[in-house]
N, C-alpha and C. Protein backbone atom coordinates (compact mmCIF):
# COMPACT_ATOMS: atom_id res chain seq x y z
N UNK A 1 -6.00 6.51 13.02
CA UNK A 1 -7.00 5.48 12.39
C UNK A 1 -6.19 4.28 12.49
N UNK A 2 -5.52 3.69 13.43
CA UNK A 2 -4.87 2.47 13.47
C UNK A 2 -5.79 1.31 13.61
N UNK A 3 -5.65 0.27 12.98
CA UNK A 3 -6.42 -1.00 13.21
C UNK A 3 -5.67 -2.14 13.79
N UNK A 4 -6.21 -2.83 14.40
CA UNK A 4 -5.47 -3.93 15.11
C UNK A 4 -5.33 -5.11 14.54
N UNK A 5 -6.14 -5.32 13.56
CA UNK A 5 -5.73 -6.71 12.85
C UNK A 5 -4.60 -6.73 12.08
N UNK A 6 -3.87 -7.80 12.42
CA UNK A 6 -2.36 -7.74 11.82
C UNK A 6 -2.39 -7.86 10.25
N UNK A 7 -1.26 -7.54 9.62
CA UNK A 7 -1.16 -7.83 8.17
C UNK A 7 -0.48 -8.86 7.99
N UNK A 8 -0.76 -10.00 7.06
CA UNK A 8 -0.16 -11.09 6.71
C UNK A 8 -0.39 -11.15 5.24
N UNK A 9 0.40 -12.39 4.74
CA UNK A 9 0.28 -12.70 3.28
C UNK A 9 -1.19 -12.96 2.70
N UNK A 10 -2.08 -13.41 3.52
CA UNK A 10 -3.55 -13.58 3.12
C UNK A 10 -4.34 -12.31 3.35
N UNK A 11 -3.86 -11.27 3.90
CA UNK A 11 -4.73 -10.26 4.17
C UNK A 11 -5.01 -9.51 2.98
N UNK A 12 -6.19 -8.80 2.76
CA UNK A 12 -6.77 -8.06 1.64
C UNK A 12 -6.69 -6.51 1.94
N UNK A 13 -6.18 -5.88 1.04
CA UNK A 13 -6.01 -4.44 1.39
C UNK A 13 -6.54 -3.50 0.30
N UNK A 14 -6.73 -2.39 0.32
CA UNK A 14 -7.17 -1.25 -0.70
C UNK A 14 -6.96 0.08 -0.15
N UNK A 15 -6.81 0.84 -1.01
CA UNK A 15 -6.72 2.41 -0.48
C UNK A 15 -8.10 2.59 0.00
N UNK A 16 -7.93 3.49 1.02
CA UNK A 16 -9.01 4.17 1.78
C UNK A 16 -9.84 5.22 1.03
N UNK A 17 -11.14 5.50 1.31
CA UNK A 17 -11.69 6.27 0.53
C UNK A 17 -11.41 7.67 1.37
N UNK A 18 -10.78 8.02 2.41
CA UNK A 18 -10.41 9.10 3.06
C UNK A 18 -9.20 9.85 2.51
N UNK A 19 -8.98 9.61 1.48
CA UNK A 19 -7.63 10.33 0.57
C UNK A 19 -7.85 10.83 -0.59
N UNK A 20 -7.19 11.66 -1.23
CA UNK A 20 -7.10 11.80 -2.56
C UNK A 20 -5.62 11.83 -2.90
N UNK A 21 -5.33 11.70 -4.34
CA UNK A 21 -4.09 11.61 -4.65
C UNK A 21 -4.04 12.03 -6.12
N UNK A 22 -2.74 11.99 -6.37
CA UNK A 22 -2.31 12.70 -7.88
C UNK A 22 -1.07 11.85 -8.13
N UNK A 23 -1.11 11.62 -9.45
CA UNK A 23 0.46 11.13 -9.89
C UNK A 23 1.30 12.22 -10.44
N UNK A 24 2.61 12.09 -10.07
CA UNK A 24 3.45 13.09 -10.45
C UNK A 24 4.65 12.32 -11.00
N UNK A 25 4.42 11.93 -12.49
CA UNK A 25 5.28 11.36 -13.09
C UNK A 25 5.25 9.91 -12.79
N UNK A 26 6.28 9.35 -12.07
CA UNK A 26 6.60 7.94 -11.65
C UNK A 26 6.14 7.97 -10.12
N UNK A 27 6.00 8.99 -9.49
CA UNK A 27 5.43 9.09 -8.00
C UNK A 27 4.00 9.46 -7.87
N UNK A 28 3.59 9.21 -6.46
CA UNK A 28 2.12 9.67 -6.26
C UNK A 28 2.27 10.59 -5.02
N UNK A 29 1.56 11.73 -4.87
CA UNK A 29 1.35 12.56 -3.81
C UNK A 29 -0.03 12.28 -3.35
N UNK A 30 -0.30 12.04 -2.01
CA UNK A 30 -1.29 11.72 -1.42
C UNK A 30 -1.86 12.72 -0.37
N UNK A 31 -2.96 13.03 -0.09
CA UNK A 31 -3.51 13.88 0.83
C UNK A 31 -4.47 13.22 1.68
N UNK A 32 -4.23 12.82 3.13
CA UNK A 32 -4.84 12.22 3.84
C UNK A 32 -6.11 13.25 4.39
N UNK A 33 -7.20 13.08 4.26
CA UNK A 33 -8.43 14.13 4.53
C UNK A 33 -8.60 14.47 5.93
N UNK A 34 -8.45 13.47 7.10
CA UNK A 34 -8.76 13.78 8.39
C UNK A 34 -7.89 14.61 9.01
N UNK A 35 -6.59 14.29 8.60
CA UNK A 35 -5.59 15.06 9.38
C UNK A 35 -5.02 16.27 8.62
N UNK A 36 -5.33 16.20 7.30
CA UNK A 36 -4.61 17.05 6.15
C UNK A 36 -3.29 16.93 6.09
N UNK A 37 -2.63 15.89 6.11
CA UNK A 37 -1.42 15.37 5.92
C UNK A 37 -1.02 14.79 4.58
N UNK A 38 -0.02 15.31 4.01
CA UNK A 38 0.60 14.84 2.66
C UNK A 38 1.49 13.93 2.84
N UNK A 39 1.67 12.84 1.91
CA UNK A 39 2.43 11.77 1.95
C UNK A 39 2.90 11.79 0.23
N UNK A 40 4.14 11.24 0.26
CA UNK A 40 4.73 10.73 -1.13
C UNK A 40 5.15 9.53 -1.18
N UNK A 41 4.91 8.91 -2.46
CA UNK A 41 5.48 7.43 -2.70
C UNK A 41 6.22 7.52 -3.99
N UNK A 42 7.39 6.90 -3.74
CA UNK A 42 8.35 6.78 -4.97
C UNK A 42 7.58 5.81 -5.99
N UNK A 43 8.61 5.49 -6.89
CA UNK A 43 8.01 4.57 -8.20
C UNK A 43 7.46 3.23 -7.54
N UNK A 44 8.43 2.61 -6.51
CA UNK A 44 7.83 1.41 -6.13
C UNK A 44 6.61 1.63 -5.35
N UNK A 45 6.34 2.49 -4.50
CA UNK A 45 5.23 2.92 -4.06
C UNK A 45 4.09 3.22 -4.76
N UNK A 46 4.29 3.76 -5.75
CA UNK A 46 3.38 4.17 -6.91
C UNK A 46 2.86 2.96 -7.69
N UNK A 47 3.77 1.99 -7.68
CA UNK A 47 3.34 0.37 -8.30
C UNK A 47 2.25 -0.26 -7.43
N UNK A 48 2.93 -0.22 -6.04
CA UNK A 48 1.87 -0.68 -5.01
C UNK A 48 0.49 0.11 -4.93
N UNK A 49 0.41 1.30 -5.08
CA UNK A 49 -0.70 2.06 -4.80
C UNK A 49 -1.70 1.72 -6.06
N UNK A 50 -1.07 1.59 -7.20
CA UNK A 50 -1.92 1.01 -8.39
C UNK A 50 -2.63 -0.18 -8.21
N UNK A 51 -2.01 -1.24 -7.47
CA UNK A 51 -2.34 -2.37 -7.22
C UNK A 51 -3.61 -2.28 -6.19
N UNK A 52 -3.55 -1.43 -5.23
CA UNK A 52 -4.36 -1.31 -4.26
C UNK A 52 -5.80 -0.46 -4.58
N UNK A 53 -5.79 0.07 -5.79
CA UNK A 53 -7.16 0.69 -6.26
C UNK A 53 -8.30 -0.24 -6.05
N UNK A 54 -8.03 -1.47 -5.93
CA UNK A 54 -9.23 -2.47 -5.72
C UNK A 54 -8.57 -3.55 -4.88
N UNK A 55 -9.50 -4.22 -4.14
CA UNK A 55 -9.07 -4.97 -3.16
C UNK A 55 -8.00 -6.24 -3.78
N UNK A 56 -6.73 -6.32 -3.07
CA UNK A 56 -5.78 -7.30 -3.57
C UNK A 56 -5.23 -7.81 -2.15
N UNK A 57 -4.70 -8.95 -2.43
CA UNK A 57 -4.04 -9.77 -1.35
C UNK A 57 -2.56 -9.47 -1.15
N UNK A 58 -2.16 -9.28 -0.15
CA UNK A 58 -0.65 -9.11 0.07
C UNK A 58 0.05 -10.15 -0.62
N UNK A 59 -0.09 -11.30 -0.64
CA UNK A 59 0.80 -12.26 -1.17
C UNK A 59 0.58 -12.04 -2.87
N UNK A 60 -0.40 -11.55 -3.35
CA UNK A 60 -0.39 -11.22 -4.82
C UNK A 60 0.45 -10.02 -5.20
N UNK A 61 0.45 -8.98 -4.19
CA UNK A 61 1.20 -7.58 -4.42
C UNK A 61 2.70 -8.27 -4.18
N UNK A 62 3.37 -9.18 -3.33
CA UNK A 62 4.48 -9.58 -3.10
C UNK A 62 4.84 -10.35 -4.46
N UNK A 63 4.12 -11.03 -4.97
CA UNK A 63 4.40 -11.60 -6.30
C UNK A 63 4.58 -10.49 -7.38
N UNK A 64 3.93 -9.63 -7.44
CA UNK A 64 3.92 -8.62 -8.57
C UNK A 64 5.21 -7.81 -8.23
N UNK A 65 5.71 -7.50 -6.85
CA UNK A 65 6.90 -6.86 -6.90
C UNK A 65 8.27 -7.77 -7.32
N UNK A 66 8.00 -9.13 -7.06
CA UNK A 66 9.21 -9.90 -7.56
C UNK A 66 9.25 -9.95 -8.90
N UNK A 67 8.10 -10.00 -9.75
CA UNK A 67 8.14 -9.98 -11.09
C UNK A 67 8.56 -8.52 -11.55
N UNK A 68 8.18 -7.54 -11.07
CA UNK A 68 8.44 -6.21 -11.69
C UNK A 68 9.77 -5.78 -11.31
N UNK A 69 10.35 -6.13 -10.18
CA UNK A 69 11.57 -5.27 -9.54
C UNK A 69 12.56 -6.50 -9.28
N UNK A 70 13.83 -6.17 -9.02
CA UNK A 70 15.02 -6.94 -9.06
C UNK A 70 14.88 -7.18 -7.30
N UNK A 71 14.26 -8.11 -6.97
CA UNK A 71 14.20 -8.45 -5.51
C UNK A 71 13.56 -9.69 -5.27
N UNK A 72 14.10 -10.44 -4.06
CA UNK A 72 13.69 -11.76 -3.71
C UNK A 72 12.66 -11.86 -3.01
N UNK A 73 11.67 -12.82 -2.94
CA UNK A 73 10.49 -12.89 -2.43
C UNK A 73 10.52 -12.70 -0.74
N UNK A 74 11.53 -13.20 -0.32
CA UNK A 74 11.60 -12.77 1.23
C UNK A 74 11.70 -11.52 1.74
N UNK A 75 12.67 -10.71 0.86
CA UNK A 75 12.86 -9.34 1.00
C UNK A 75 11.74 -8.41 0.69
N UNK A 76 11.17 -8.85 -0.52
CA UNK A 76 9.81 -8.18 -1.01
C UNK A 76 8.85 -8.25 0.35
N UNK A 77 8.71 -9.51 0.66
CA UNK A 77 7.44 -9.71 1.60
C UNK A 77 7.72 -9.13 3.00
N UNK A 78 8.87 -8.91 3.35
CA UNK A 78 9.23 -8.23 4.74
C UNK A 78 9.03 -6.80 4.38
N UNK A 79 9.58 -6.05 3.28
CA UNK A 79 9.40 -4.77 3.07
C UNK A 79 8.16 -4.37 2.65
N UNK A 80 7.24 -4.92 2.06
CA UNK A 80 5.83 -4.96 1.84
C UNK A 80 5.22 -4.76 3.31
N UNK A 81 5.19 -5.84 4.00
CA UNK A 81 4.40 -5.61 5.14
C UNK A 81 4.50 -4.38 6.10
N UNK A 82 5.97 -3.85 5.97
CA UNK A 82 6.33 -2.79 6.84
C UNK A 82 5.73 -1.57 5.93
N UNK A 83 5.71 -1.41 4.69
CA UNK A 83 5.21 -0.33 3.96
C UNK A 83 3.77 -0.23 4.16
N UNK A 84 3.08 -1.43 3.80
CA UNK A 84 1.63 -1.69 4.06
C UNK A 84 1.19 -1.04 5.57
N UNK A 85 2.00 -1.41 6.49
CA UNK A 85 1.71 -1.08 7.92
C UNK A 85 1.56 0.44 8.24
N UNK A 86 2.69 1.07 7.70
CA UNK A 86 2.95 2.51 7.55
C UNK A 86 1.67 3.20 6.79
N UNK A 87 1.39 2.75 5.73
CA UNK A 87 0.30 3.27 5.04
C UNK A 87 -1.16 2.93 5.48
N UNK A 88 -1.31 1.99 6.29
CA UNK A 88 -2.52 1.65 7.14
C UNK A 88 -2.57 2.65 8.23
N UNK A 89 -1.46 2.65 9.13
CA UNK A 89 -1.20 3.48 10.38
C UNK A 89 -1.66 4.84 10.17
N UNK A 90 -1.24 5.39 8.57
CA UNK A 90 -1.45 6.76 8.27
C UNK A 90 -3.22 7.01 7.76
N UNK A 91 -3.58 6.00 7.54
CA UNK A 91 -5.12 5.93 7.24
C UNK A 91 -5.33 6.06 5.70
N UNK A 92 -4.29 5.55 5.04
CA UNK A 92 -4.33 5.80 3.54
C UNK A 92 -4.76 4.26 3.02
N UNK A 93 -4.67 3.23 3.70
CA UNK A 93 -5.35 2.08 3.14
C UNK A 93 -6.04 1.43 4.34
N UNK A 94 -6.65 0.33 3.96
CA UNK A 94 -7.47 -0.43 4.99
C UNK A 94 -7.75 -1.72 4.46
N UNK A 95 -7.80 -2.60 5.54
CA UNK A 95 -7.83 -4.06 5.63
C UNK A 95 -9.36 -4.35 5.13
N UNK A 96 -9.65 -5.08 4.23
CA UNK A 96 -10.95 -5.51 3.78
C UNK A 96 -11.34 -6.99 3.87
N UNK A 97 -12.55 -7.41 4.03
CA UNK A 97 -12.87 -8.90 3.97
C UNK A 97 -13.58 -9.01 2.86
N UNK A 98 -13.13 -10.19 2.11
CA UNK A 98 -13.81 -10.61 0.81
C UNK A 98 -14.64 -11.68 0.94
C-alpha cells in the first residue's frame, strides 16, 4: 500500500485504520490486517506511535523527539523520515490532509 506523496517536515501523518496494536511494556506490537504481518516498535517507536494516534505534523514529532531523547534536530529529522517511510510502506500509517 505504498503512497507516492513524499514525506517532509510539513507532512501530516496518523496511524492507519487497517491495523491493530497492543502495548507490551515500553514497546508496541502491531498487526497489519491486509497482509497479516506483525511489526514491533521499541520504546522510541512506541513514543512516535503514541503521537500518531491523531493527525500530527512531522516537524512536531521531530521537536518532541529532541525534547524527549538525547538527539540533535538534524539526526532526529533524518531518522524520523526514514522510520515514517517504513511505517507508511508497511501500511501502518498514512498521510492526511488537514
